N, C-alpha and C. Protein backbone atom coordinates (compact mmCIF):
# COMPACT_ATOMS: atom_id res chain seq x y z
N ASP A 1 75.88 -105.54 85.22
CA ASP A 1 74.69 -105.08 85.89
C ASP A 1 73.61 -106.13 85.82
N TYR A 2 72.84 -106.25 86.90
CA TYR A 2 71.74 -107.19 86.97
C TYR A 2 70.46 -106.44 87.26
N PHE A 3 69.37 -107.00 86.84
CA PHE A 3 68.07 -106.49 87.22
C PHE A 3 67.13 -107.68 87.30
N TYR A 4 65.99 -107.48 87.89
CA TYR A 4 65.02 -108.57 87.88
C TYR A 4 63.81 -108.15 87.09
N SER A 5 63.20 -109.15 86.48
CA SER A 5 62.00 -108.93 85.68
C SER A 5 60.79 -109.09 86.58
N THR A 6 59.85 -108.17 86.49
CA THR A 6 58.61 -108.29 87.21
C THR A 6 57.50 -108.46 86.20
N GLN A 7 56.76 -109.53 86.30
CA GLN A 7 55.68 -109.84 85.37
C GLN A 7 54.42 -110.12 86.17
N SER A 8 53.28 -109.83 85.57
CA SER A 8 52.00 -110.18 86.18
C SER A 8 51.49 -111.46 85.55
N LEU A 9 50.85 -112.29 86.35
CA LEU A 9 50.21 -113.47 85.83
C LEU A 9 48.84 -113.07 85.32
N THR A 10 48.57 -113.34 84.07
CA THR A 10 47.31 -112.96 83.45
C THR A 10 46.13 -113.59 84.18
N GLY A 11 45.15 -112.77 84.53
CA GLY A 11 43.94 -113.28 85.15
C GLY A 11 43.95 -113.27 86.66
N ILE A 12 45.08 -112.95 87.29
CA ILE A 12 45.15 -112.89 88.75
C ILE A 12 45.38 -111.44 89.14
N LYS A 13 44.64 -110.96 90.14
CA LYS A 13 44.73 -109.56 90.49
C LYS A 13 45.31 -109.31 91.88
N ASP A 14 45.63 -110.35 92.63
CA ASP A 14 46.17 -110.13 93.97
C ASP A 14 47.69 -109.98 93.94
N GLU A 15 48.28 -109.68 95.08
CA GLU A 15 49.73 -109.44 95.19
C GLU A 15 50.54 -110.66 94.77
N ALA A 16 50.00 -111.85 95.00
CA ALA A 16 50.72 -113.08 94.65
C ALA A 16 50.85 -113.25 93.14
N ALA A 17 50.20 -112.40 92.36
CA ALA A 17 50.23 -112.52 90.92
C ALA A 17 51.52 -111.97 90.31
N ILE A 18 52.33 -111.30 91.08
CA ILE A 18 53.57 -110.72 90.57
C ILE A 18 54.70 -111.73 90.73
N ILE A 19 55.39 -112.00 89.63
CA ILE A 19 56.56 -112.88 89.73
C ILE A 19 57.81 -112.05 89.49
N ARG A 20 58.88 -112.49 90.13
CA ARG A 20 60.18 -111.85 89.95
C ARG A 20 61.19 -112.92 89.56
N LEU A 21 61.87 -112.67 88.45
CA LEU A 21 62.90 -113.57 87.96
C LEU A 21 64.21 -112.79 87.95
N PHE A 22 65.23 -113.31 88.63
CA PHE A 22 66.50 -112.59 88.74
C PHE A 22 67.64 -113.57 89.01
N PRO A 23 68.88 -113.23 88.74
CA PRO A 23 69.32 -112.06 87.97
C PRO A 23 69.05 -112.27 86.48
N ASN A 24 68.90 -111.19 85.79
CA ASN A 24 68.66 -111.24 84.36
C ASN A 24 69.35 -110.02 83.74
N PRO A 25 70.47 -110.20 83.05
CA PRO A 25 71.07 -111.44 82.56
C PRO A 25 71.66 -112.29 83.69
N SER A 26 71.81 -113.57 83.37
CA SER A 26 72.28 -114.54 84.36
C SER A 26 73.47 -115.32 83.82
N ASP A 27 74.27 -115.83 84.74
CA ASP A 27 75.41 -116.67 84.36
C ASP A 27 75.11 -118.15 84.58
N ASP A 28 74.81 -118.52 85.83
CA ASP A 28 74.68 -119.93 86.17
C ASP A 28 73.33 -120.35 86.71
N PHE A 29 72.55 -119.42 87.25
CA PHE A 29 71.27 -119.78 87.83
C PHE A 29 70.33 -118.58 87.79
N ILE A 30 69.05 -118.87 87.94
CA ILE A 30 68.05 -117.82 88.14
C ILE A 30 67.24 -118.20 89.38
N GLU A 31 66.63 -117.21 89.96
CA GLU A 31 65.72 -117.44 91.07
C GLU A 31 64.40 -116.81 90.70
N ILE A 32 63.32 -117.51 91.00
CA ILE A 32 61.99 -117.00 90.69
C ILE A 32 61.22 -116.91 91.99
N SER A 33 60.63 -115.75 92.23
CA SER A 33 59.84 -115.59 93.44
C SER A 33 58.46 -115.03 93.09
N ILE A 34 57.49 -115.43 93.89
CA ILE A 34 56.14 -114.89 93.81
C ILE A 34 55.83 -114.41 95.22
N PRO A 35 56.05 -113.12 95.48
CA PRO A 35 55.87 -112.58 96.83
C PRO A 35 54.48 -112.88 97.40
N GLY A 36 54.47 -113.31 98.64
CA GLY A 36 53.21 -113.58 99.33
C GLY A 36 52.56 -114.89 98.96
N SER A 37 53.23 -115.71 98.18
CA SER A 37 52.64 -116.97 97.75
C SER A 37 53.49 -118.14 98.23
N ASN A 38 52.82 -119.17 98.71
CA ASN A 38 53.53 -120.41 99.05
C ASN A 38 53.07 -121.54 98.14
N ARG A 39 52.38 -121.17 97.05
CA ARG A 39 51.90 -122.16 96.09
C ARG A 39 53.00 -122.56 95.12
N ASN A 40 52.96 -123.81 94.69
CA ASN A 40 53.88 -124.27 93.65
C ASN A 40 53.43 -123.70 92.31
N PHE A 41 54.39 -123.50 91.42
CA PHE A 41 54.09 -123.03 90.07
C PHE A 41 54.93 -123.81 89.07
N TYR A 42 54.50 -123.79 87.82
CA TYR A 42 55.17 -124.54 86.77
C TYR A 42 56.03 -123.58 85.95
N PHE A 43 57.29 -123.94 85.75
CA PHE A 43 58.25 -123.11 85.03
C PHE A 43 58.70 -123.83 83.77
N GLU A 44 58.73 -123.10 82.65
CA GLU A 44 59.23 -123.64 81.39
C GLU A 44 60.20 -122.64 80.77
N LEU A 45 61.30 -123.14 80.21
CA LEU A 45 62.28 -122.31 79.54
C LEU A 45 62.46 -122.84 78.12
N PHE A 46 62.41 -121.91 77.14
CA PHE A 46 62.45 -122.28 75.72
C PHE A 46 63.62 -121.60 75.03
N ASP A 47 64.20 -122.28 74.02
CA ASP A 47 65.21 -121.64 73.19
C ASP A 47 64.51 -120.79 72.13
N ILE A 48 65.30 -120.14 71.26
CA ILE A 48 64.71 -119.22 70.29
C ILE A 48 63.88 -119.94 69.22
N LYS A 49 64.06 -121.25 69.10
CA LYS A 49 63.27 -122.04 68.16
C LYS A 49 61.97 -122.56 68.78
N GLY A 50 61.79 -122.31 70.09
CA GLY A 50 60.59 -122.76 70.77
C GLY A 50 60.70 -124.12 71.43
N LYS A 51 61.90 -124.71 71.39
CA LYS A 51 62.10 -126.02 72.03
C LYS A 51 62.16 -125.84 73.54
N CYS A 52 61.38 -126.64 74.25
CA CYS A 52 61.38 -126.57 75.72
C CYS A 52 62.64 -127.24 76.26
N LEU A 53 63.45 -126.48 77.00
CA LEU A 53 64.72 -126.98 77.54
C LEU A 53 64.62 -127.35 79.01
N ILE A 54 63.78 -126.64 79.74
CA ILE A 54 63.58 -126.91 81.16
C ILE A 54 62.09 -126.82 81.44
N GLU A 55 61.56 -127.78 82.15
CA GLU A 55 60.19 -127.72 82.64
C GLU A 55 60.15 -128.40 83.99
N CYS A 56 59.63 -127.69 84.98
CA CYS A 56 59.62 -128.23 86.33
C CYS A 56 58.65 -127.47 87.23
N TRP A 57 58.24 -128.13 88.28
CA TRP A 57 57.45 -127.50 89.33
C TRP A 57 58.39 -126.86 90.33
N LEU A 58 58.11 -125.63 90.74
CA LEU A 58 58.97 -124.90 91.67
C LEU A 58 58.14 -124.29 92.79
N GLN A 59 58.84 -123.90 93.85
CA GLN A 59 58.27 -123.10 94.91
C GLN A 59 58.91 -121.73 94.83
N SER A 60 58.25 -120.72 95.36
CA SER A 60 58.79 -119.37 95.35
C SER A 60 60.17 -119.35 95.97
N ASN A 61 61.08 -118.58 95.39
CA ASN A 61 62.47 -118.40 95.83
C ASN A 61 63.35 -119.61 95.57
N GLN A 62 62.92 -120.51 94.74
CA GLN A 62 63.74 -121.67 94.39
C GLN A 62 64.62 -121.31 93.21
N LYS A 63 65.85 -121.82 93.21
CA LYS A 63 66.80 -121.53 92.13
C LYS A 63 66.73 -122.60 91.05
N VAL A 64 67.01 -122.17 89.82
CA VAL A 64 67.06 -123.06 88.67
C VAL A 64 68.44 -122.92 88.03
N SER A 65 69.12 -124.03 87.84
CA SER A 65 70.45 -124.01 87.25
C SER A 65 70.37 -123.81 85.73
N LEU A 66 71.23 -122.93 85.23
CA LEU A 66 71.35 -122.69 83.80
C LEU A 66 72.74 -123.08 83.30
N GLU A 67 73.53 -123.72 84.15
CA GLU A 67 74.93 -124.04 83.83
C GLU A 67 75.08 -124.85 82.55
N HIS A 68 74.12 -125.71 82.26
CA HIS A 68 74.22 -126.59 81.09
C HIS A 68 73.79 -125.92 79.78
N LEU A 69 73.33 -124.68 79.86
CA LEU A 69 72.84 -123.98 78.66
C LEU A 69 73.90 -123.05 78.09
N PRO A 70 73.97 -122.95 76.76
CA PRO A 70 74.90 -121.99 76.15
C PRO A 70 74.37 -120.56 76.30
N SER A 71 75.24 -119.60 76.14
CA SER A 71 74.84 -118.19 76.18
C SER A 71 73.81 -117.93 75.09
N GLY A 72 72.85 -117.06 75.40
CA GLY A 72 71.84 -116.72 74.40
C GLY A 72 70.62 -116.10 75.04
N ILE A 73 69.61 -115.91 74.21
CA ILE A 73 68.34 -115.34 74.67
C ILE A 73 67.31 -116.46 74.70
N TYR A 74 66.62 -116.55 75.80
CA TYR A 74 65.61 -117.59 76.01
C TYR A 74 64.30 -116.93 76.41
N SER A 75 63.22 -117.65 76.22
CA SER A 75 61.93 -117.18 76.72
C SER A 75 61.48 -118.14 77.81
N TYR A 76 60.69 -117.62 78.73
CA TYR A 76 60.18 -118.45 79.81
C TYR A 76 58.69 -118.25 79.99
N ARG A 77 58.06 -119.23 80.62
CA ARG A 77 56.65 -119.13 80.96
C ARG A 77 56.48 -119.68 82.37
N VAL A 78 55.73 -118.96 83.18
CA VAL A 78 55.39 -119.38 84.53
C VAL A 78 53.88 -119.56 84.57
N SER A 79 53.43 -120.71 85.05
CA SER A 79 52.00 -121.01 85.14
C SER A 79 51.64 -121.25 86.60
N LEU A 80 50.59 -120.56 87.04
CA LEU A 80 50.12 -120.68 88.41
C LEU A 80 48.60 -120.70 88.39
N ASN A 81 48.03 -121.80 88.82
CA ASN A 81 46.56 -121.95 88.87
C ASN A 81 45.89 -121.64 87.54
N GLY A 82 46.47 -122.11 86.45
CA GLY A 82 45.87 -121.92 85.14
C GLY A 82 46.13 -120.57 84.50
N ASN A 83 46.88 -119.70 85.17
CA ASN A 83 47.23 -118.38 84.64
C ASN A 83 48.71 -118.38 84.26
N ASN A 84 49.05 -117.63 83.20
CA ASN A 84 50.40 -117.66 82.66
C ASN A 84 51.04 -116.28 82.62
N SER A 85 52.37 -116.28 82.77
CA SER A 85 53.18 -115.10 82.58
C SER A 85 54.39 -115.52 81.76
N ALA A 86 54.82 -114.68 80.85
CA ALA A 86 55.94 -115.02 79.97
C ALA A 86 56.91 -113.85 79.91
N GLY A 87 58.17 -114.15 79.59
CA GLY A 87 59.17 -113.11 79.45
C GLY A 87 60.42 -113.63 78.79
N LYS A 88 61.43 -112.80 78.71
CA LYS A 88 62.71 -113.13 78.10
C LYS A 88 63.79 -113.22 79.18
N LEU A 89 64.77 -114.08 78.93
CA LEU A 89 65.90 -114.29 79.82
C LEU A 89 67.17 -114.31 79.00
N ILE A 90 68.18 -113.61 79.47
CA ILE A 90 69.49 -113.60 78.80
C ILE A 90 70.46 -114.42 79.64
N LYS A 91 71.07 -115.41 79.01
CA LYS A 91 72.11 -116.25 79.64
C LYS A 91 73.45 -115.81 79.08
N ARG A 92 74.36 -115.39 79.97
CA ARG A 92 75.69 -114.95 79.53
C ARG A 92 76.65 -116.11 79.43
């Protein structure tokens, strides 16, 4: 079973402030979308020790490969215009 995570970006109150990360849990890739936004955002993925494994600028609906990562629980942070949203990601 898959589901997507919906998070709000702290400090933003419009519709573009909602991010969706899916599928979660994931096997090989994730997709991150910010509905109604065409702005670039910064994505970071961390292991359980806090080491940054992926950091990149993305556009809404862009996919990120997780193929090189082992199975486990990761945390992520999305930054858009100085506002941040964070969550957990499970890699199978």
